[in-house]
């Protein structure tokens, strides 16, 4: 059970040497929020060249959004590749 990505942006961080992205998800379901937190905790500890690196998780409870700061990968979306 995973949430849908609401928005995803490329962001500039002048303090970092690599590009970052922000993935924003929206969920009202507490189970999905817990799944998102667990997924983030797993991904932030992984270090593999074929897995996107996740850095931080911010929760905006007023908007019901989770913001995940992650490594930016240039290219097309995976769903566009397999559709």
Protein backbone atom coordinates (compact mmCIF):
# COMPACT_ATOMS: atom_id res chain seq x y z
CA UNK A 1 0.00 0.00 0.00
CA UNK A 2 1.79 3.11 -1.25
CA UNK A 3 0.71 6.67 -1.78
CA UNK A 4 0.59 8.45 -5.07
CA UNK A 5 3.20 11.04 -5.89
CA UNK A 6 1.44 14.39 -5.89
CA UNK A 7 4.37 16.44 -7.25
CA UNK A 8 8.08 16.04 -7.87
CA UNK A 9 10.50 18.93 -8.36
CA UNK A 10 14.16 19.41 -9.11
CA UNK A 11 15.67 21.80 -6.53
CA UNK A 12 18.87 23.79 -6.30
CA UNK A 13 20.95 23.41 -3.17
CA UNK A 14 24.02 25.59 -3.36
CA UNK A 15 25.62 23.78 -0.40
CA UNK A 16 25.58 20.39 -2.11
CA UNK A 17 27.69 19.08 -4.95
CA UNK A 18 24.88 17.05 -6.49
CA UNK A 19 21.35 17.88 -7.71
CA UNK A 20 18.36 17.15 -5.47
CA UNK A 21 14.67 16.47 -6.02
CA UNK A 22 11.66 16.90 -3.75
CA UNK A 23 8.94 14.25 -3.98
CA UNK A 24 5.63 15.32 -2.45
CA UNK A 25 2.97 12.79 -1.50
CA UNK A 26 -0.50 13.44 -0.12
CA UNK A 27 -2.38 10.97 2.02
CA UNK A 28 -5.24 11.09 4.48
CA UNK A 29 -4.79 7.42 5.39
CA UNK A 30 -2.57 6.88 8.44
CA UNK A 31 -1.51 3.43 7.16
CA UNK A 32 -0.09 5.00 4.00
CA UNK A 33 1.73 7.65 6.03
CA UNK A 34 3.33 4.94 8.15
CA UNK A 35 4.31 3.03 4.98
CA UNK A 36 5.90 6.21 3.57
CA UNK A 37 7.88 6.79 6.78
CA UNK A 38 9.06 3.16 6.80
CA UNK A 39 10.05 3.30 3.13
CA UNK A 40 12.04 6.47 3.76
CA UNK A 41 13.83 4.95 6.77
CA UNK A 42 14.87 1.96 4.66
CA UNK A 43 15.96 4.03 1.65
CA UNK A 44 17.99 6.57 3.62
CA UNK A 45 20.20 3.78 4.94
CA UNK A 46 20.78 2.10 1.57
CA UNK A 47 23.86 2.93 -0.45
CA UNK A 48 23.75 1.37 -3.91
CA UNK A 49 24.46 2.91 -7.29
CA UNK A 50 21.12 1.67 -8.70
CA UNK A 51 18.95 3.02 -5.87
CA UNK A 52 18.05 6.69 -5.49
CA UNK A 53 19.50 8.13 -2.28
CA UNK A 54 16.97 9.70 0.10
CA UNK A 55 18.22 12.42 2.44
CA UNK A 56 15.40 13.97 4.51
CA UNK A 57 11.70 13.63 5.22
CA UNK A 58 9.51 16.60 6.15
CA UNK A 59 5.84 16.32 7.07
CA UNK A 60 3.39 19.15 6.48
CA UNK A 61 0.48 18.09 8.66
CA UNK A 62 -1.66 21.12 7.71
CA UNK A 63 -1.63 20.09 4.04
CA UNK A 64 -1.43 16.34 4.69
CA UNK A 65 1.79 16.17 2.66
CA UNK A 66 5.13 14.43 3.04
CA UNK A 67 8.18 15.98 1.36
CA UNK A 68 11.09 13.64 0.64
CA UNK A 69 14.42 15.23 -0.32
CA UNK A 70 16.28 12.82 -2.58
CA UNK A 71 18.94 12.49 -5.22
CA UNK A 72 17.84 13.91 -8.59
CA UNK A 73 18.11 11.53 -11.55
CA UNK A 74 17.97 13.00 -15.07
CA UNK A 75 15.73 11.16 -17.53
CA UNK A 76 12.17 9.97 -17.98
CA UNK A 77 9.87 8.47 -15.39
CA UNK A 78 9.97 4.72 -14.83
CA UNK A 79 6.21 4.41 -15.45
CA UNK A 80 6.67 6.07 -18.85
CA UNK A 81 9.35 3.48 -19.67
CA UNK A 82 7.19 0.45 -18.88
CA UNK A 83 3.82 1.72 -20.15
